[in-house]
């Protein structure tokens, strides 16, 4: 449990907000689906409820998926730039060569 607390402390405000919105949206989606069981005709979920549920799940998945994908690509890009700069610094001759 301590490990989870440490990982949660590393999150930025944007990430915490994104996860909170995602959880709220998922709770709303499951509530909509659950309420759809009790609206007449009982026991049958209308197609519009299923469509709305699917759209909400798609939105939640998009919130999580896009942020994670681009965060990973940004980190990869930063590593490549740092590696290239290190290679350039190794190949670069001294600024003041001695004769």
PDB file of N, CA and C in Angstrom:
ATOM      1  N   UNK A   1       0.812  -1.182   0.000  1.00  0.00           N
ATOM      2  CA  UNK A   1       0.000   0.000   0.000  1.00  0.00           C
ATOM      3  C   UNK A   1       0.868   1.263   0.000  1.00  0.00           C
ATOM      4  N   UNK A   2       2.029   1.168   0.651  1.00  0.00           N
ATOM      5  CA  UNK A   2       2.940   2.307   0.702  1.00  0.00           C
ATOM      6  C   UNK A   2       3.432   2.660  -0.700  1.00  0.00           C
ATOM      7  N   UNK A   3       3.672   1.629  -1.517  1.00  0.00           N
ATOM      8  CA  UNK A   3       4.124   1.841  -2.887  1.00  0.00           C
ATOM      9  C   UNK A   3       3.078   2.631  -3.679  1.00  0.00           C
ATOM     10  N   UNK A   4       1.800   2.293  -3.515  1.00  0.00           N
ATOM     11  CA  UNK A   4       0.750   3.013  -4.221  1.00  0.00           C
ATOM     12  C   UNK A   4       0.686   4.473  -3.789  1.00  0.00           C
ATOM     13  N   UNK A   5       0.875   4.718  -2.513  1.00  0.00           N
ATOM     14  CA  UNK A   5       0.868   6.094  -2.000  1.00  0.00           C
ATOM     15  C   UNK A   5       2.013   6.891  -2.615  1.00  0.00           C
ATOM     16  N   UNK A   6       3.187   6.284  -2.732  1.00  0.00           N
ATOM     17  CA  UNK A   6       4.331   6.962  -3.336  1.00  0.00           C
ATOM     18  C   UNK A   6       4.078   7.270  -4.804  1.00  0.00           C
ATOM     19  N   UNK A   7       3.490   6.321  -5.517  1.00  0.00           N
ATOM     20  CA  UNK A   7       3.188   6.537  -6.932  1.00  0.00           C
ATOM     21  C   UNK A   7       2.130   7.621  -7.104  1.00  0.00           C
ATOM     22  N   UNK A   8       1.132   7.634  -6.217  1.00  0.00           N
ATOM     23  CA  UNK A   8       0.093   8.650  -6.296  1.00  0.00           C
ATOM     24  C   UNK A   8       0.667  10.040  -6.029  1.00  0.00           C
ATOM     25  N   UNK A   9       1.633  10.135  -5.137  1.00  0.00           N
ATOM     26  CA  UNK A   9       2.250  11.423  -4.830  1.00  0.00           C
ATOM     27  C   UNK A   9       3.041  11.976  -6.015  1.00  0.00           C
ATOM     28  N   UNK A  10       3.492  11.112  -6.916  1.00  0.00           N
ATOM     29  CA  UNK A  10       4.261  11.543  -8.086  1.00  0.00           C
ATOM     30  C   UNK A  10       3.381  12.145  -9.186  1.00  0.00           C
ATOM     31  N   UNK A  11       2.061  11.905  -9.129  1.00  0.00           N
ATOM     32  CA  UNK A  11       1.165  12.378 -10.177  1.00  0.00           C
ATOM     33  C   UNK A  11       1.030  13.895 -10.143  1.00  0.00           C
ATOM     34  N   UNK A  12       0.895  14.476 -11.329  1.00  0.00           N
ATOM     35  CA  UNK A  12       0.662  15.913 -11.426  1.00  0.00           C
ATOM     36  C   UNK A  12      -0.824  16.193 -11.207  1.00  0.00           C
ATOM     37  N   UNK A  13      -1.151  17.466 -11.029  1.00  0.00           N
ATOM     38  CA  UNK A  13      -2.553  17.845 -10.841  1.00  0.00           C
ATOM     39  C   UNK A  13      -3.391  17.427 -12.048  1.00  0.00           C
ATOM     40  N   UNK A  14      -2.833  17.584 -13.233  1.00  0.00           N
ATOM     41  CA  UNK A  14      -3.554  17.224 -14.462  1.00  0.00           C
ATOM     42  C   UNK A  14      -3.885  15.731 -14.471  1.00  0.00           C
ATOM     43  N   UNK A  15      -2.946  14.910 -14.080  1.00  0.00           N
ATOM     44  CA  UNK A  15      -3.178  13.469 -14.067  1.00  0.00           C
ATOM     45  C   UNK A  15      -4.210  13.078 -13.021  1.00  0.00           C
ATOM     46  N   UNK A  16      -4.134  13.684 -11.837  1.00  0.00           N
ATOM     47  CA  UNK A  16      -5.120  13.393 -10.795  1.00  0.00           C
ATOM     48  C   UNK A  16      -6.506  13.797 -11.261  1.00  0.00           C
ATOM     49  N   UNK A  17      -6.616  14.981 -11.872  1.00  0.00           N
ATOM     50  CA  UNK A  17      -7.899  15.444 -12.386  1.00  0.00           C
ATOM     51  C   UNK A  17      -8.430  14.503 -13.470  1.00  0.00           C
ATOM     52  N   UNK A  18      -7.554  14.075 -14.359  1.00  0.00           N
ATOM     53  CA  UNK A  18      -7.953  13.173 -15.432  1.00  0.00           C
ATOM     54  C   UNK A  18      -8.480  11.848 -14.868  1.00  0.00           C
ATOM     55  N   UNK A  19      -7.785  11.282 -13.890  1.00  0.00           N
ATOM     56  CA  UNK A  19      -8.238  10.025 -13.295  1.00  0.00           C
ATOM     57  C   UNK A  19      -9.540  10.199 -12.535  1.00  0.00           C
ATOM     58  N   UNK A  20      -9.708  11.328 -11.846  1.00  0.00           N
ATOM     59  CA  UNK A  20     -10.960  11.580 -11.116  1.00  0.00           C
ATOM     60  C   UNK A  20     -12.138  11.718 -12.079  1.00  0.00           C
ATOM     61  N   UNK A  21     -11.943  12.452 -13.171  1.00  0.00           N
ATOM     62  CA  UNK A  21     -13.003  12.605 -14.167  1.00  0.00           C
ATOM     63  C   UNK A  21     -13.342  11.252 -14.779  1.00  0.00           C
ATOM     64  N   UNK A  22     -12.331  10.465 -15.063  1.00  0.00           N
ATOM     65  CA  UNK A  22     -12.563   9.148 -15.644  1.00  0.00           C
ATOM     66  C   UNK A  22     -13.376   8.272 -14.697  1.00  0.00           C
ATOM     67  N   UNK A  23     -13.047   8.290 -13.426  1.00  0.00           N
ATOM     68  CA  UNK A  23     -13.786   7.486 -12.449  1.00  0.00           C
ATOM     69  C   UNK A  23     -15.225   7.977 -12.341  1.00  0.00           C
ATOM     70  N   UNK A  24     -15.423   9.288 -12.319  1.00  0.00           N
ATOM     71  CA  UNK A  24     -16.785   9.826 -12.242  1.00  0.00           C
ATOM     72  C   UNK A  24     -17.599   9.447 -13.481  1.00  0.00           C
ATOM     73  N   UNK A  25     -16.982   9.514 -14.644  1.00  0.00           N
ATOM     74  CA  UNK A  25     -17.674   9.161 -15.885  1.00  0.00           C
ATOM     75  C   UNK A  25     -18.038   7.677 -15.893  1.00  0.00           C
ATOM     76  N   UNK A  26     -17.135   6.834 -15.434  1.00  0.00           N
ATOM     77  CA  UNK A  26     -17.435   5.405 -15.397  1.00  0.00           C
ATOM     78  C   UNK A  26     -18.552   5.094 -14.405  1.00  0.00           C
ATOM     79  N   UNK A  27     -18.554   5.765 -13.263  1.00  0.00           N
ATOM     80  CA  UNK A  27     -19.636   5.565 -12.290  1.00  0.00           C
ATOM     81  C   UNK A  27     -20.966   6.006 -12.894  1.00  0.00           C
ATOM     82  N   UNK A  28     -20.962   7.137 -13.599  1.00  0.00           N
ATOM     83  CA  UNK A  28     -22.182   7.611 -14.253  1.00  0.00           C
ATOM     84  C   UNK A  28     -22.659   6.619 -15.313  1.00  0.00           C
ATOM     85  N   UNK A  29     -21.723   6.034 -16.053  1.00  0.00           N
ATOM     86  CA  UNK A  29     -22.091   5.076 -17.098  1.00  0.00           C
ATOM     87  C   UNK A  29     -22.730   3.824 -16.496  1.00  0.00           C
ATOM     88  N   UNK A  30     -22.126   3.309 -15.447  1.00  0.00           N
ATOM     89  CA  UNK A  30     -22.692   2.112 -14.835  1.00  0.00           C
ATOM     90  C   UNK A  30     -24.012   2.417 -14.140  1.00  0.00           C
ATOM     91  N   UNK A  31     -24.169   3.621 -13.586  1.00  0.00           N
ATOM     92  CA  UNK A  31     -25.449   4.024 -12.990  1.00  0.00           C
ATOM     93  C   UNK A  31     -26.521   4.100 -14.066  1.00  0.00           C
ATOM     94  N   UNK A  32     -26.185   4.668 -15.208  1.00  0.00           N
ATOM     95  CA  UNK A  32     -27.116   4.744 -16.332  1.00  0.00           C
ATOM     96  C   UNK A  32     -27.541   3.352 -16.773  1.00  0.00           C
ATOM     97  N   UNK A  33     -26.591   2.466 -16.876  1.00  0.00           N
ATOM     98  CA  UNK A  33     -26.903   1.099 -17.290  1.00  0.00           C
ATOM     99  C   UNK A  33     -27.767   0.398 -16.248  1.00  0.00           C
ATOM    100  N   UNK A  34     -27.456   0.596 -14.974  1.00  0.00           N
ATOM    101  CA  UNK A  34     -28.222  -0.023 -13.896  1.00  0.00           C
ATOM    102  C   UNK A  34     -29.650   0.519 -13.864  1.00  0.00           C
ATOM    103  N   UNK A  35     -29.790   1.841 -14.016  1.00  0.00           N
ATOM    104  CA  UNK A  35     -31.138   2.439 -14.018  1.00  0.00           C
ATOM    105  C   UNK A  35     -31.942   1.999 -15.233  1.00  0.00           C
ATOM    106  N   UNK A  36     -31.272   1.726 -16.317  1.00  0.00           N
ATOM    107  CA  UNK A  36     -31.955   1.251 -17.517  1.00  0.00           C
ATOM    108  C   UNK A  36     -32.659  -0.074 -17.312  1.00  0.00           C
ATOM    109  N   UNK A  37     -32.219  -0.838 -16.309  1.00  0.00           N
ATOM    110  CA  UNK A  37     -32.873  -2.122 -16.021  1.00  0.00           C
ATOM    111  C   UNK A  37     -34.226  -1.933 -15.336  1.00  0.00           C
ATOM    112  N   UNK A  38     -34.461  -0.802 -14.702  1.00  0.00           N
ATOM    113  CA  UNK A  38     -35.673  -0.622 -13.905  1.00  0.00           C
ATOM    114  C   UNK A  38     -36.697   0.315 -14.543  1.00  0.00           C
ATOM    115  N   UNK A  39     -36.353   0.883 -15.684  1.00  0.00           N
ATOM    116  CA  UNK A  39     -37.296   1.723 -16.413  1.00  0.00           C
ATOM    117  C   UNK A  39     -38.117   0.808 -17.318  1.00  0.00           C
ATOM    118  N   UNK A  40     -39.437   1.045 -17.393  1.00  0.00           N
ATOM    119  CA  UNK A  40     -40.282   0.153 -18.215  1.00  0.00           C
ATOM    120  C   UNK A  40     -39.780   0.097 -19.644  1.00  0.00           C
ATOM    121  N   UNK A  41     -39.767  -0.996 -20.320  1.00  0.00           N
ATOM    122  CA  UNK A  41     -40.081  -2.335 -19.820  1.00  0.00           C
ATOM    123  C   UNK A  41     -38.935  -2.867 -18.960  1.00  0.00           C
ATOM    124  N   UNK A  42     -39.273  -3.309 -17.774  1.00  0.00           N
ATOM    125  CA  UNK A  42     -38.274  -3.773 -16.818  1.00  0.00           C
ATOM    126  C   UNK A  42     -37.539  -5.005 -17.342  1.00  0.00           C
ATOM    127  N   UNK A  43     -36.252  -5.033 -17.075  1.00  0.00           N
ATOM    128  CA  UNK A  43     -35.436  -6.168 -17.480  1.00  0.00           C
ATOM    129  C   UNK A  43     -34.866  -6.040 -18.876  1.00  0.00           C
ATOM    130  N   UNK A  44     -35.280  -5.026 -19.618  1.00  0.00           N
ATOM    131  CA  UNK A  44     -34.784  -4.828 -20.981  1.00  0.00           C
ATOM    132  C   UNK A  44     -34.133  -3.456 -21.064  1.00  0.00           C
ATOM    133  N   UNK A  45     -32.905  -3.442 -21.490  1.00  0.00           N
ATOM    134  CA  UNK A  45     -32.184  -2.181 -21.614  1.00  0.00           C
ATOM    135  C   UNK A  45     -32.384  -1.650 -23.027  1.00  0.00           C
ATOM    136  N   UNK A  46     -32.866  -0.417 -23.122  1.00  0.00           N
ATOM    137  CA  UNK A  46     -33.143   0.193 -24.421  1.00  0.00           C
ATOM    138  C   UNK A  46     -31.831   0.434 -25.170  1.00  0.00           C
ATOM    139  N   UNK A  47     -31.913   0.424 -26.474  1.00  0.00           N
ATOM    140  CA  UNK A  47     -30.724   0.620 -27.313  1.00  0.00           C
ATOM    141  C   UNK A  47     -30.056   1.969 -27.065  1.00  0.00           C
ATOM    142  N   UNK A  48     -30.848   3.003 -26.771  1.00  0.00           N
ATOM    143  CA  UNK A  48     -30.260   4.320 -26.543  1.00  0.00           C
ATOM    144  C   UNK A  48     -29.399   4.319 -25.274  1.00  0.00           C
ATOM    145  N   UNK A  49     -29.814   3.543 -24.265  1.00  0.00           N
ATOM    146  CA  UNK A  49     -29.023   3.438 -23.034  1.00  0.00           C
ATOM    147  C   UNK A  49     -27.708   2.732 -23.325  1.00  0.00           C
ATOM    148  N   UNK A  50     -27.768   1.679 -24.122  1.00  0.00           N
ATOM    149  CA  UNK A  50     -26.542   0.961 -24.482  1.00  0.00           C
ATOM    150  C   UNK A  50     -25.611   1.837 -25.321  1.00  0.00           C
ATOM    151  N   UNK A  51     -26.184   2.635 -26.203  1.00  0.00           N
ATOM    152  CA  UNK A  51     -25.381   3.545 -27.012  1.00  0.00           C
ATOM    153  C   UNK A  51     -24.706   4.598 -26.138  1.00  0.00           C
ATOM    154  N   UNK A  52     -25.464   5.174 -25.216  1.00  0.00           N
ATOM    155  CA  UNK A  52     -24.893   6.175 -24.310  1.00  0.00           C
ATOM    156  C   UNK A  52     -23.805   5.546 -23.445  1.00  0.00           C
ATOM    157  N   UNK A  53     -24.031   4.323 -22.974  1.00  0.00           N
ATOM    158  CA  UNK A  53     -23.037   3.622 -22.160  1.00  0.00           C
ATOM    159  C   UNK A  53     -21.753   3.409 -22.957  1.00  0.00           C
ATOM    160  N   UNK A  54     -21.884   2.999 -24.188  1.00  0.00           N
ATOM    161  CA  UNK A  54     -20.715   2.799 -25.046  1.00  0.00           C
ATOM    162  C   UNK A  54     -19.949   4.088 -25.289  1.00  0.00           C
ATOM    163  N   UNK A  55     -20.679   5.176 -25.501  1.00  0.00           N
ATOM    164  CA  UNK A  55     -20.016   6.460 -25.725  1.00  0.00           C
ATOM    165  C   UNK A  55     -19.271   6.933 -24.479  1.00  0.00           C
ATOM    166  N   UNK A  56     -19.853   6.707 -23.328  1.00  0.00           N
ATOM    167  CA  UNK A  56     -19.204   7.117 -22.081  1.00  0.00           C
ATOM    168  C   UNK A  56     -17.939   6.295 -21.859  1.00  0.00           C
ATOM    169  N   UNK A  57     -18.010   5.003 -22.121  1.00  0.00           N
ATOM    170  CA  UNK A  57     -16.815   4.163 -21.990  1.00  0.00           C
ATOM    171  C   UNK A  57     -15.739   4.581 -22.989  1.00  0.00           C
ATOM    172  N   UNK A  58     -16.144   4.927 -24.179  1.00  0.00           N
ATOM    173  CA  UNK A  58     -15.200   5.401 -25.191  1.00  0.00           C
ATOM    174  C   UNK A  58     -14.523   6.689 -24.731  1.00  0.00           C
ATOM    175  N   UNK A  59     -15.299   7.608 -24.156  1.00  0.00           N
ATOM    176  CA  UNK A  59     -14.742   8.859 -23.644  1.00  0.00           C
ATOM    177  C   UNK A  59     -13.736   8.598 -22.529  1.00  0.00           C
ATOM    178  N   UNK A  60     -14.083   7.713 -21.609  1.00  0.00           N
ATOM    179  CA  UNK A  60     -13.176   7.394 -20.498  1.00  0.00           C
ATOM    180  C   UNK A  60     -11.898   6.740 -21.013  1.00  0.00           C
ATOM    181  N   UNK A  61     -12.046   5.831 -21.953  1.00  0.00           N
ATOM    182  CA  UNK A  61     -10.867   5.192 -22.534  1.00  0.00           C
ATOM    183  C   UNK A  61      -9.989   6.178 -23.278  1.00  0.00           C
ATOM    184  N   UNK A  62     -10.620   7.137 -23.928  1.00  0.00           N
ATOM    185  CA  UNK A  62      -9.869   8.158 -24.644  1.00  0.00           C
ATOM    186  C   UNK A  62      -9.087   9.034 -23.682  1.00  0.00           C
ATOM    187  N   UNK A  63      -9.727   9.411 -22.581  1.00  0.00           N
ATOM    188  CA  UNK A  63      -9.026  10.220 -21.581  1.00  0.00           C
ATOM    189  C   UNK A  63      -7.757   9.528 -21.105  1.00  0.00           C
ATOM    190  N   UNK A  64      -7.869   8.250 -20.831  1.00  0.00           N
ATOM    191  CA  UNK A  64      -6.714   7.514 -20.323  1.00  0.00           C
ATOM    192  C   UNK A  64      -5.718   7.189 -21.427  1.00  0.00           C
ATOM    193  N   UNK A  65      -6.201   6.709 -22.538  1.00  0.00           N
ATOM    194  CA  UNK A  65      -5.327   6.220 -23.601  1.00  0.00           C
ATOM    195  C   UNK A  65      -4.507   7.289 -24.277  1.00  0.00           C
ATOM    196  N   UNK A  66      -5.123   8.393 -24.620  1.00  0.00           N
ATOM    197  CA  UNK A  66      -4.399   9.445 -25.335  1.00  0.00           C
ATOM    198  C   UNK A  66      -3.313  10.041 -24.455  1.00  0.00           C
ATOM    199  N   UNK A  67      -3.637  10.320 -23.207  1.00  0.00           N
ATOM    200  CA  UNK A  67      -2.652  10.932 -22.313  1.00  0.00           C
ATOM    201  C   UNK A  67      -1.461  10.006 -22.097  1.00  0.00           C
ATOM    202  N   UNK A  68      -1.732   8.739 -21.874  1.00  0.00           N
ATOM    203  CA  UNK A  68      -0.645   7.786 -21.630  1.00  0.00           C
ATOM    204  C   UNK A  68       0.221   7.627 -22.875  1.00  0.00           C
ATOM    205  N   UNK A  69      -0.399   7.532 -24.045  1.00  0.00           N
ATOM    206  CA  UNK A  69       0.353   7.329 -25.283  1.00  0.00           C
ATOM    207  C   UNK A  69       1.289   8.504 -25.550  1.00  0.00           C
ATOM    208  N   UNK A  70       0.762   9.718 -25.474  1.00  0.00           N
ATOM    209  CA  UNK A  70       1.584  10.875 -25.784  1.00  0.00           C
ATOM    210  C   UNK A  70       2.607  11.173 -24.697  1.00  0.00           C
ATOM    211  N   UNK A  71       2.304  10.812 -23.465  1.00  0.00           N
ATOM    212  CA  UNK A  71       3.298  10.967 -22.403  1.00  0.00           C
ATOM    213  C   UNK A  71       4.481  10.032 -22.671  1.00  0.00           C
ATOM    214  N   UNK A  72       4.190   8.807 -23.099  1.00  0.00           N
ATOM    215  CA  UNK A  72       5.255   7.860 -23.422  1.00  0.00           C
ATOM    216  C   UNK A  72       6.064   8.329 -24.634  1.00  0.00           C
ATOM    217  N   UNK A  73       5.395   8.867 -25.642  1.00  0.00           N
ATOM    218  CA  UNK A  73       6.111   9.355 -26.821  1.00  0.00           C
ATOM    219  C   UNK A  73       6.979  10.558 -26.469  1.00  0.00           C
ATOM    220  N   UNK A  74       6.497  11.420 -25.607  1.00  0.00           N
ATOM    221  CA  UNK A  74       7.275  12.575 -25.193  1.00  0.00           C
ATOM    222  C   UNK A  74       8.524  12.142 -24.431  1.00  0.00           C
ATOM    223  N   UNK A  75       8.390  11.183 -23.534  1.00  0.00           N
ATOM    224  CA  UNK A  75       9.551  10.677 -22.797  1.00  0.00           C
ATOM    225  C   UNK A  75      10.556  10.029 -23.743  1.00  0.00           C
ATOM    226  N   UNK A  76      10.068   9.275 -24.709  1.00  0.00           N
ATOM    227  CA  UNK A  76      10.946   8.649 -25.689  1.00  0.00           C
ATOM    228  C   UNK A  76      11.692   9.712 -26.503  1.00  0.00           C
ATOM    229  N   UNK A  77      10.991  10.758 -26.906  1.00  0.00           N
ATOM    230  CA  UNK A  77      11.607  11.843 -27.669  1.00  0.00           C
ATOM    231  C   UNK A  77      12.683  12.547 -26.844  1.00  0.00           C
ATOM    232  N   UNK A  78      12.402  12.796 -25.584  1.00  0.00           N
ATOM    233  CA  UNK A  78      13.380  13.441 -24.708  1.00  0.00           C
ATOM    234  C   UNK A  78      14.635  12.590 -24.569  1.00  0.00           C
ATOM    235  N   UNK A  79      14.473  11.285 -24.427  1.00  0.00           N
ATOM    236  CA  UNK A  79      15.627  10.390 -24.306  1.00  0.00           C
ATOM    237  C   UNK A  79      16.466  10.412 -25.576  1.00  0.00           C
ATOM    238  N   UNK A  80      15.805  10.426 -26.735  1.00  0.00           N
ATOM    239  CA  UNK A  80      16.530  10.468 -28.000  1.00  0.00           C
ATOM    240  C   UNK A  80      17.336  11.764 -28.121  1.00  0.00           C
ATOM    241  N   UNK A  81      16.748  12.877 -27.742  1.00  0.00           N
ATOM    242  CA  UNK A  81      17.445  14.161 -27.816  1.00  0.00           C
ATOM    243  C   UNK A  81      18.655  14.164 -26.892  1.00  0.00           C
ATOM    244  N   UNK A  82      18.496  13.651 -25.680  1.00  0.00           N
ATOM    245  CA  UNK A  82      19.607  13.606 -24.727  1.00  0.00           C
ATOM    246  C   UNK A  82      20.723  12.720 -25.262  1.00  0.00           C
ATOM    247  N   UNK A  83      20.380  11.583 -25.862  1.00  0.00           N
ATOM    248  CA  UNK A  83      21.387  10.683 -26.434  1.00  0.00           C
ATOM    249  C   UNK A  83      22.121  11.359 -27.593  1.00  0.00           C
ATOM    250  N   UNK A  84      21.382  12.045 -28.456  1.00  0.00           N
ATOM    251  CA  UNK A  84      22.014  12.740 -29.582  1.00  0.00           C
ATOM    252  C   UNK A  84      22.944  13.848 -29.103  1.00  0.00           C
ATOM    253  N   UNK A  85      22.514  14.575 -28.088  1.00  0.00           N
ATOM    254  CA  UNK A  85      23.370  15.631 -27.550  1.00  0.00           C
ATOM    255  C   UNK A  85      24.634  15.056 -26.923  1.00  0.00           C
ATOM    256  N   UNK A  86      24.519  13.903 -26.283  1.00  0.00           N
ATOM    257  CA  UNK A  86      25.688  13.254 -25.694  1.00  0.00           C
ATOM    258  C   UNK A  86      26.651  12.809 -26.791  1.00  0.00           C
ATOM    259  N   UNK A  87      26.123  12.291 -27.897  1.00  0.00           N
ATOM    260  CA  UNK A  87      26.972  11.863 -29.012  1.00  0.00           C
ATOM    261  C   UNK A  87      27.677  13.059 -29.644  1.00  0.00           C
ATOM    262  N   UNK A  88      26.955  14.166 -29.794  1.00  0.00           N
ATOM    263  CA  UNK A  88      27.549  15.361 -30.391  1.00  0.00           C
ATOM    264  C   UNK A  88      28.663  15.890 -29.497  1.00  0.00           C
ATOM    265  N   UNK A  89      28.442  15.877 -28.202  1.00  0.00           N
ATOM    266  CA  UNK A  89      29.466  16.359 -27.268  1.00  0.00           C
ATOM    267  C   UNK A  89      30.704  15.474 -27.283  1.00  0.00           C
ATOM    268  N   UNK A  90      30.544  14.175 -27.511  1.00  0.00           N
ATOM    269  CA  UNK A  90      31.696  13.267 -27.576  1.00  0.00           C
ATOM    270  C   UNK A  90      32.501  13.492 -28.849  1.00  0.00           C
ATOM    271  N   UNK A  91      31.808  13.736 -29.963  1.00  0.00           N
ATOM    272  CA  UNK A  91      32.471  13.888 -31.247  1.00  0.00           C
ATOM    273  C   UNK A  91      33.068  15.273 -31.433  1.00  0.00           C
ATOM    274  N   UNK A  92      32.555  16.243 -30.728  1.00  0.00           N
ATOM    275  CA  UNK A  92      33.004  17.624 -30.893  1.00  0.00           C
ATOM    276  C   UNK A  92      34.430  17.786 -30.361  1.00  0.00           C
ATOM    277  N   UNK A  93      35.325  18.307 -31.191  1.00  0.00           N
ATOM    278  CA  UNK A  93      36.702  18.515 -30.724  1.00  0.00           C
ATOM    279  C   UNK A  93      36.732  19.639 -29.694  1.00  0.00           C
ATOM    280  N   UNK A  94      37.850  19.732 -29.002  1.00  0.00           N
ATOM    281  CA  UNK A  94      38.011  20.793 -28.003  1.00  0.00           C
ATOM    282  C   UNK A  94      37.867  22.157 -28.662  1.00  0.00           C
ATOM    283  N   UNK A  95      37.318  23.087 -27.948  1.00  0.00           N
ATOM    284  CA  UNK A  95      37.106  24.424 -28.476  1.00  0.00           C
ATOM    285  C   UNK A  95      38.428  25.164 -28.648  1.00  0.00           C
ATOM    286  N   UNK A  96      39.403  24.905 -27.777  1.00  0.00           N
ATOM    287  CA  UNK A  96      40.707  25.567 -27.846  1.00  0.00           C
ATOM    288  C   UNK A  96      41.799  24.511 -28.059  1.00  0.00           C
ATOM    289  N   UNK A  97      41.999  24.080 -29.295  1.00  0.00           N
ATOM    290  CA  UNK A  97      43.025  23.065 -29.526  1.00  0.00           C
ATOM    291  C   UNK A  97      44.426  23.661 -29.337  1.00  0.00           C
ATOM    292  N   UNK A  98      45.294  22.849 -28.812  1.00  0.00           N
ATOM    293  CA  UNK A  98      46.677  23.295 -28.617  1.00  0.00           C
ATOM    294  C   UNK A  98      47.501  22.910 -29.824  1.00  0.00           C
ATOM    295  N   UNK A  99      48.385  23.800 -30.313  1.00  0.00           N
ATOM    296  CA  UNK A  99      49.180  23.482 -31.515  1.00  0.00           C
ATOM    297  C   UNK A  99      50.333  22.545 -31.242  1.00  0.00           C
TER     298      UNK A  99
END
